[in-house]
Amino acid sequence: MNMVLVNQEQVLALRNALPAVTKVWLQEVLGVSETTWRSLRDGRPIRQSTYDRLVAKLERTSRGSGVGSLRGGPSGNGASR
């Protein structure tokens, strides 16, 4: 399973896209669970497929809202697990 580590600057951009860090807003805006959010926040790797879904969801949600994108990609690829 391919894992990626999202840098803290990108995590901050994700946080800024949320009206509040709640289960509902995490799912509605980012399409991730609280467990995935904790991994992002704490600097732990997440699955590549989860990262891809998160970026796609954020870009769809943020069109026209002035929220930045994560086009720079994750800070690095972790080892496959």
Protein backbone atom coordinates (compact mmCIF):
# COMPACT_ATOMS: atom_id res chain seq x y z
CA MET A 1 0.00 0.00 0.00
CA ASN A 2 1.51 3.34 -1.02
CA MET A 3 1.65 5.93 1.75
CA VAL A 4 2.31 9.67 1.54
CA LEU A 5 3.31 12.23 4.12
CA VAL A 6 1.52 15.57 3.75
CA ASN A 7 3.61 18.54 4.86
CA GLN A 8 2.34 20.78 7.64
CA GLU A 9 1.90 23.77 5.32
CA GLN A 10 -0.58 21.72 3.29
CA VAL A 11 -2.31 20.52 6.46
CA LEU A 12 -2.72 24.17 7.49
CA ALA A 13 -4.27 24.92 4.07
CA LEU A 14 -6.69 22.02 4.63
CA ARG A 15 -7.54 23.32 8.12
CA ASN A 16 -8.22 26.77 6.69
CA ALA A 17 -10.69 25.25 4.22
CA LEU A 18 -12.80 23.94 7.12
CA PRO A 19 -15.44 26.08 8.84
CA ALA A 20 -14.78 23.92 11.94
CA VAL A 21 -12.88 20.70 12.62
CA THR A 22 -15.86 18.42 13.16
CA LYS A 23 -16.78 15.02 11.80
CA VAL A 24 -19.41 16.58 9.56
CA TRP A 25 -17.15 19.27 8.08
CA LEU A 26 -14.22 16.89 7.64
CA GLN A 27 -16.45 14.59 5.59
CA GLU A 28 -18.31 17.37 3.74
CA VAL A 29 -15.33 19.53 2.77
CA LEU A 30 -12.41 17.11 2.64
CA GLY A 31 -14.07 13.71 2.35
CA VAL A 32 -11.96 12.24 5.18
CA SER A 33 -12.63 10.68 8.56
CA GLU A 34 -11.55 12.00 11.94
CA THR A 35 -8.93 9.23 12.06
CA THR A 36 -7.41 10.41 8.78
CA TRP A 37 -7.53 14.01 9.99
CA ARG A 38 -5.62 13.05 13.15
CA SER A 39 -2.98 11.33 11.01
CA LEU A 40 -2.62 14.45 8.86
CA ARG A 41 -2.52 16.76 11.85
CA ASP A 42 0.01 14.62 13.70
CA GLY A 43 2.36 14.26 10.72
CA ARG A 44 1.69 10.57 10.09
CA PRO A 45 1.41 9.14 6.56
CA ILE A 46 -1.92 8.47 4.88
CA ARG A 47 -2.76 6.23 1.93
CA GLN A 48 -2.01 7.61 -1.51
CA SER A 49 -5.59 6.87 -2.58
CA THR A 50 -6.93 8.85 0.40
CA TYR A 51 -4.66 11.78 -0.47
CA ASP A 52 -5.81 11.70 -4.11
CA ARG A 53 -9.47 11.66 -3.03
CA LEU A 54 -8.87 14.48 -0.53
CA VAL A 55 -7.23 16.71 -3.17
CA ALA A 56 -9.99 16.03 -5.70
CA LYS A 57 -12.72 16.74 -3.14
CA LEU A 58 -11.02 19.94 -1.95
CA GLU A 59 -10.63 21.21 -5.50
CA ARG A 60 -14.30 20.51 -6.30
CA THR A 61 -15.44 22.11 -3.04
CA SER A 62 -13.14 25.12 -3.26
CA ARG A 63 -13.89 26.24 -6.81
CA GLY A 64 -14.93 29.84 -6.58
CA SER A 65 -14.42 30.03 -2.82
CA GLY A 66 -10.85 31.32 -2.87
CA VAL A 67 -9.47 28.30 -1.03
CA GLY A 68 -6.00 27.28 -2.20
CA SER A 69 -5.23 23.94 -3.75
CA LEU A 70 -2.66 21.30 -2.88
CA ARG A 71 -1.19 21.06 -6.37
CA GLY A 72 2.34 20.89 -4.95
CA GLY A 73 1.61 17.33 -3.83
CA PRO A 74 2.68 15.62 -0.66
CA SER A 75 6.07 16.33 0.86
CA GLY A 76 7.33 12.86 0.14
CA ASN A 77 6.37 9.29 -0.48
CA GLY A 78 6.54 6.89 2.40
CA ALA A 79 7.38 3.25 2.08
CA SER A 80 4.78 0.85 0.81
CA ARG A 81 3.14 -1.06 3.62
